[in-house]
Amino acid sequence: MAYEFIRVDREGPVTVFTLNRPDVMNALHSPAHFELHEAFDAFAADPDQWVGIVTGAGARAFSAGNDLKHQAMGGDMKSPPSGFAGLTSRFDLTKPLIAAVNGVAMGGGFEIALACDLIIASETATFALPEPRVGLAALAGGLHRLPRAIGTKRALGMILTGRRVSAAHGYELGFVNEVTPPQELMATARKWAAEICELSPMSIRASKEAVFKGLDEPSLEAAIKGQMRYPAAAALFKSEDFVEGPMAFAQKRAPAWKGR
């Protein structure tokens, strides 16, 4: 499908989603949200797509967040049920997403990155939730995901000041997985994706789902007891991969994963 405000490129089992509004630092407006909603729906539904990488077009920005000029001019501010960028309220996606942050990730842009499972950042990347500077608040998940990622005190240090954090500092705080030179960003993100693709997609989905659903359980005991009820775990035990993995190990060969 052709899109106007994003690019979607298939690379085998890896899909690259590029926010493609570099003239406004990849800030997003309503039409872009709905395009991303459709693209992530297609990604979720396709059994041959295993891992996603989200990045921004150009060298300046991953995403500057909400397109405030579009909002100020009375532009349509509707968003899909999946939230900002078709992602921040998408809680049923068990396929892993990697944010390849190539520059500014401000406000909603940072919230997109936080909604991904891993963040790989260029040395030039910067992160912030500066919404209070313009009379807004980071209500697309940033106020909840950041404390869960780095702890309440550290998160409030960013949230209550709106301060910018470098990629290196983000790594120290714990929300960035790896920092790379700008020219190596996409290669590094693809390396992470390739490592994930070496494993059973069914196992990866069950593992991701268990982590996030388990965090919502009232106790560790409840999480361990409850994980067998989760849909991705049930799908794992019924899958071809569940048979293929032990068989390949016994036969001393590389497994041929199906993702189904």
Protein backbone atom coordinates (compact mmCIF):
# COMPACT_ATOMS: atom_id res chain seq x y z
CA MET A 1 0.00 0.00 0.00
CA ALA A 2 1.23 3.51 -0.86
CA TYR A 3 1.42 6.04 1.97
CA GLU A 4 1.90 9.81 1.90
CA PHE A 5 3.41 10.50 5.31
CA ILE A 6 5.26 7.28 6.13
CA ARG A 7 7.32 4.64 4.33
CA VAL A 8 7.04 0.93 4.96
CA ASP A 9 9.83 -1.33 3.67
CA ARG A 10 9.92 -5.11 3.99
CA GLU A 11 13.33 -6.73 4.51
CA GLY A 12 12.47 -10.41 4.84
CA PRO A 13 10.86 -10.91 8.25
CA VAL A 14 11.88 -7.38 9.31
CA THR A 15 9.68 -4.37 8.50
CA VAL A 16 11.04 -0.81 8.64
CA PHE A 17 8.55 1.98 9.37
CA THR A 18 9.87 5.45 8.53
CA LEU A 19 8.12 8.60 9.73
CA ASN A 20 8.39 10.64 6.54
CA ARG A 21 7.70 14.32 7.20
CA PRO A 22 11.28 15.62 7.44
CA ASP A 23 10.23 19.18 6.55
CA VAL A 24 8.50 19.40 9.96
CA MET A 25 11.02 17.20 11.80
CA ASN A 26 8.68 14.22 11.38
CA ALA A 27 6.03 15.80 13.59
CA LEU A 28 2.77 13.93 13.21
CA HIS A 29 -0.75 15.08 12.41
CA SER A 30 -4.04 13.21 12.13
CA PRO A 31 -3.51 11.77 8.60
CA ALA A 32 -0.10 10.40 9.64
CA HIS A 33 -1.59 8.76 12.74
CA PHE A 34 -4.16 6.93 10.65
CA GLU A 35 -1.55 5.81 8.09
CA LEU A 36 0.56 4.37 10.91
CA HIS A 37 -2.51 2.71 12.39
CA GLU A 38 -3.10 0.89 9.08
CA ALA A 39 0.57 -0.01 8.70
CA PHE A 40 0.87 -1.48 12.20
CA ASP A 41 -2.42 -3.35 11.75
CA ALA A 42 -0.98 -4.96 8.61
CA PHE A 43 2.28 -5.77 10.42
CA ALA A 44 0.43 -7.40 13.31
CA ALA A 45 -1.74 -9.51 10.99
CA ASP A 46 1.02 -10.81 8.70
CA PRO A 47 2.63 -14.02 10.06
CA ASP A 48 5.70 -13.45 7.87
CA GLN A 49 6.54 -10.12 9.53
CA TRP A 50 8.39 -10.86 12.78
CA VAL A 51 10.18 -7.68 13.93
CA GLY A 52 9.58 -3.98 13.27
CA ILE A 53 12.01 -1.05 13.23
CA VAL A 54 10.64 2.49 13.61
CA THR A 55 12.77 5.44 12.54
CA GLY A 56 12.53 8.97 11.15
CA ALA A 57 13.39 10.38 7.73
CA GLY A 58 16.38 12.71 7.48
CA ALA A 59 19.21 13.35 9.90
CA ARG A 60 17.60 15.90 12.24
CA ALA A 61 14.71 14.14 13.89
CA PHE A 62 13.15 10.86 14.85
CA SER A 63 9.98 12.83 15.56
CA ALA A 64 9.30 16.23 17.09
CA GLY A 65 5.99 14.82 18.31
CA ASN A 66 2.64 16.48 17.77
CA ASP A 67 2.46 18.88 14.81
CA LEU A 68 1.67 22.00 16.85
CA LYS A 69 1.48 24.26 13.79
CA HIS A 70 -1.13 21.97 12.25
CA GLN A 71 -3.03 22.10 15.56
CA ALA A 72 -2.73 25.89 15.89
CA MET A 73 -4.13 26.35 12.38
CA GLY A 74 -7.23 24.35 13.30
CA GLY A 75 -6.17 21.11 11.65
CA ASP A 76 -7.99 17.88 12.39
CA MET A 77 -6.65 16.37 15.62
CA LYS A 78 -8.44 13.02 15.48
CA SER A 79 -6.42 9.91 16.26
CA PRO A 80 -7.12 6.20 15.81
CA PRO A 81 -7.99 3.91 18.74
CA SER A 82 -4.37 2.69 18.65
CA GLY A 83 -3.26 6.14 19.81
CA PHE A 84 -0.50 8.55 18.80
CA ALA A 85 1.35 7.21 15.74
CA GLY A 86 -1.04 4.27 15.70
CA LEU A 87 1.10 2.81 18.48
CA THR A 88 0.94 4.40 21.93
CA SER A 89 -2.40 2.76 22.83
CA ARG A 90 -1.72 -0.49 20.97
CA PHE A 91 -1.41 -2.92 23.86
CA ASP A 92 -1.99 -6.22 22.05
CA LEU A 93 1.03 -6.19 19.70
CA THR A 94 3.22 -9.13 20.70
CA LYS A 95 5.73 -8.69 17.87
CA PRO A 96 8.82 -6.75 19.00
CA LEU A 97 9.44 -3.19 17.84
CA ILE A 98 12.82 -1.42 17.80
CA ALA A 99 13.01 2.38 17.80
CA ALA A 100 16.03 3.58 15.80
CA VAL A 101 16.22 7.16 17.07
CA ASN A 102 18.18 9.25 14.60
CA GLY A 103 17.82 12.70 16.16
CA VAL A 104 15.28 14.69 18.14
CA ALA A 105 12.65 12.59 19.96
CA MET A 106 10.50 15.18 21.67
CA GLY A 107 7.09 14.86 23.28
CA GLY A 108 5.06 12.45 21.20
CA GLY A 109 8.25 11.42 19.42
CA PHE A 110 9.71 10.22 22.71
CA GLU A 111 6.39 8.55 23.49
CA ILE A 112 6.62 6.61 20.20
CA ALA A 113 10.11 5.41 21.16
CA LEU A 114 8.95 4.44 24.65
CA ALA A 115 6.09 2.45 23.10
CA CYS A 116 8.69 0.35 21.28
CA ASP A 117 10.39 -2.53 23.07
CA LEU A 118 14.00 -1.49 22.43
CA ILE A 119 15.57 1.92 21.78
CA ILE A 120 18.74 2.19 19.70
CA ALA A 121 19.92 5.80 19.62
CA SER A 122 22.30 7.79 17.49
CA GLU A 123 24.91 9.77 19.43
CA THR A 124 23.08 12.87 18.16
CA ALA A 125 19.69 11.82 19.56
CA THR A 126 17.97 13.85 22.26
CA PHE A 127 14.90 12.97 24.31
CA ALA A 128 12.39 15.07 26.25
CA LEU A 129 8.79 15.37 27.36
CA PRO A 130 8.51 19.17 27.02
CA GLU A 131 4.72 19.38 26.70
CA PRO A 132 4.28 21.62 29.80
CA ARG A 133 6.33 24.29 28.02
CA VAL A 134 3.41 24.74 25.59
CA GLY A 135 0.56 24.13 28.02
CA LEU A 136 0.16 20.43 27.27
CA ALA A 137 1.00 17.14 29.01
CA ALA A 138 2.55 13.87 27.75
CA LEU A 139 -0.74 11.97 27.84
CA ALA A 140 0.09 9.54 25.03
CA GLY A 141 1.80 7.19 27.46
CA GLY A 142 4.96 9.09 28.30
CA LEU A 143 3.86 9.91 31.85
CA HIS A 144 3.33 6.21 32.50
CA ARG A 145 5.92 4.40 30.40
CA LEU A 146 8.90 6.51 31.47
CA PRO A 147 8.47 5.87 35.24
CA ARG A 148 8.03 2.17 34.52
CA ALA A 149 11.24 2.20 32.48
CA ILE A 150 13.56 4.18 34.77
CA GLY A 151 11.77 4.65 38.12
CA THR A 152 9.58 7.43 39.45
CA LYS A 153 12.22 9.86 40.73
CA ARG A 154 14.35 9.76 37.60
CA ALA A 155 11.28 10.06 35.38
CA LEU A 156 9.93 13.02 37.34
CA GLY A 157 13.31 14.68 37.00
CA MET A 158 12.65 14.78 33.25
CA ILE A 159 8.88 15.28 33.33
CA LEU A 160 8.75 18.17 35.84
CA THR A 161 11.52 20.13 34.13
CA GLY A 162 10.93 19.30 30.47
CA ARG A 163 14.71 19.01 30.17
CA ARG A 164 16.45 17.40 27.21
CA VAL A 165 18.44 14.22 27.76
CA SER A 166 21.23 13.04 25.47
CA ALA A 167 21.46 9.53 24.09
CA ALA A 168 24.36 8.78 26.43
CA HIS A 169 22.38 9.99 29.44
CA GLY A 170 19.37 7.98 28.26
CA TYR A 171 21.60 4.91 28.27
CA GLU A 172 22.74 5.70 31.82
CA LEU A 173 19.13 6.19 32.93
CA GLY A 174 18.18 2.87 31.35
CA PHE A 175 15.66 3.69 28.62
CA VAL A 176 18.21 3.42 25.77
CA ASN A 177 19.58 -0.04 24.93
CA GLU A 178 22.54 1.03 22.77
CA VAL A 179 24.13 4.24 21.50
CA THR A 180 25.79 4.28 18.08
CA PRO A 181 27.49 6.73 15.73
CA PRO A 182 24.88 8.26 13.39
CA GLN A 183 26.15 6.40 10.32
CA GLU A 184 25.82 3.04 12.12
CA LEU A 185 22.33 3.52 13.56
CA MET A 186 20.27 1.51 11.08
CA ALA A 187 22.91 -1.21 10.80
CA THR A 188 22.86 -1.56 14.57
CA ALA A 189 19.06 -1.68 14.69
CA ARG A 190 19.08 -4.32 11.95
CA LYS A 191 21.66 -6.30 13.93
CA TRP A 192 19.33 -6.37 16.93
CA ALA A 193 16.45 -7.37 14.65
CA ALA A 194 18.55 -10.15 13.12
CA GLU A 195 19.41 -11.51 16.56
CA ILE A 196 15.72 -11.59 17.45
CA CYS A 197 14.91 -13.34 14.16
CA GLU A 198 17.33 -16.14 15.06
CA LEU A 199 14.86 -17.15 17.77
CA SER A 200 11.37 -18.61 17.50
CA PRO A 201 8.91 -15.79 16.69
CA MET A 202 6.28 -17.67 18.68
CA SER A 203 8.58 -17.79 21.71
CA ILE A 204 9.43 -14.09 21.34
CA ARG A 205 5.73 -13.13 21.24
CA ALA A 206 4.92 -15.29 24.25
CA SER A 207 7.86 -13.79 26.15
CA LYS A 208 6.95 -10.17 25.35
CA GLU A 209 3.32 -10.73 26.27
CA ALA A 210 4.25 -12.43 29.54
CA VAL A 211 6.52 -9.53 30.54
CA PHE A 212 3.93 -6.81 29.98
CA LYS A 213 0.87 -8.68 31.23
CA GLY A 214 2.86 -9.94 34.20
CA LEU A 215 3.70 -6.38 35.24
CA ASP A 216 -0.03 -5.74 35.58
CA GLU A 217 -0.59 -8.75 37.85
CA PRO A 218 -0.94 -8.01 41.59
CA SER A 219 2.07 -10.14 42.59
CA LEU A 220 4.93 -12.22 41.25
CA GLU A 221 3.04 -15.35 42.23
CA ALA A 222 -0.02 -14.22 40.27
CA ALA A 223 2.15 -13.40 37.25
CA ILE A 224 3.77 -16.84 37.22
CA LYS A 225 0.47 -18.63 37.70
CA GLY A 226 -1.36 -16.44 35.20
CA GLN A 227 1.08 -16.56 32.29
CA MET A 228 -0.31 -19.82 30.93
CA ARG A 229 -3.60 -18.05 30.26
CA TYR A 230 -2.04 -15.45 27.97
CA PRO A 231 -2.96 -15.86 24.26
CA ALA A 232 0.61 -15.83 22.91
CA ALA A 233 1.67 -18.54 25.36
CA ALA A 234 -1.28 -20.69 24.33
CA ALA A 235 -0.40 -20.11 20.66
CA LEU A 236 3.22 -21.11 21.32
CA PHE A 237 2.28 -24.52 22.69
CA LYS A 238 0.08 -25.22 19.65
CA SER A 239 2.62 -24.00 17.10
CA GLU A 240 4.92 -25.72 14.62
CA ASP A 241 7.83 -23.87 16.24
CA PHE A 242 7.13 -25.66 19.54
CA VAL A 243 7.84 -28.95 17.76
CA GLU A 244 10.62 -27.66 15.51
CA GLY A 245 12.83 -26.22 18.26
CA PRO A 246 13.44 -29.42 20.26
CA MET A 247 13.62 -31.45 17.02
CA ALA A 248 16.34 -29.19 15.59
CA PHE A 249 18.25 -29.36 18.87
CA ALA A 250 18.10 -33.17 18.89
CA GLN A 251 19.21 -33.33 15.26
CA LYS A 252 22.03 -30.81 15.86
CA ARG A 253 20.88 -28.43 13.15
CA ALA A 254 19.63 -24.86 12.95
CA PRO A 255 15.87 -24.60 13.45
CA ALA A 256 13.65 -23.55 10.56
CA TRP A 257 11.20 -21.27 12.31
CA LYS A 258 7.74 -20.77 10.83
CA GLY A 259 6.32 -18.16 13.16
CA ARG A 260 3.12 -20.14 13.34
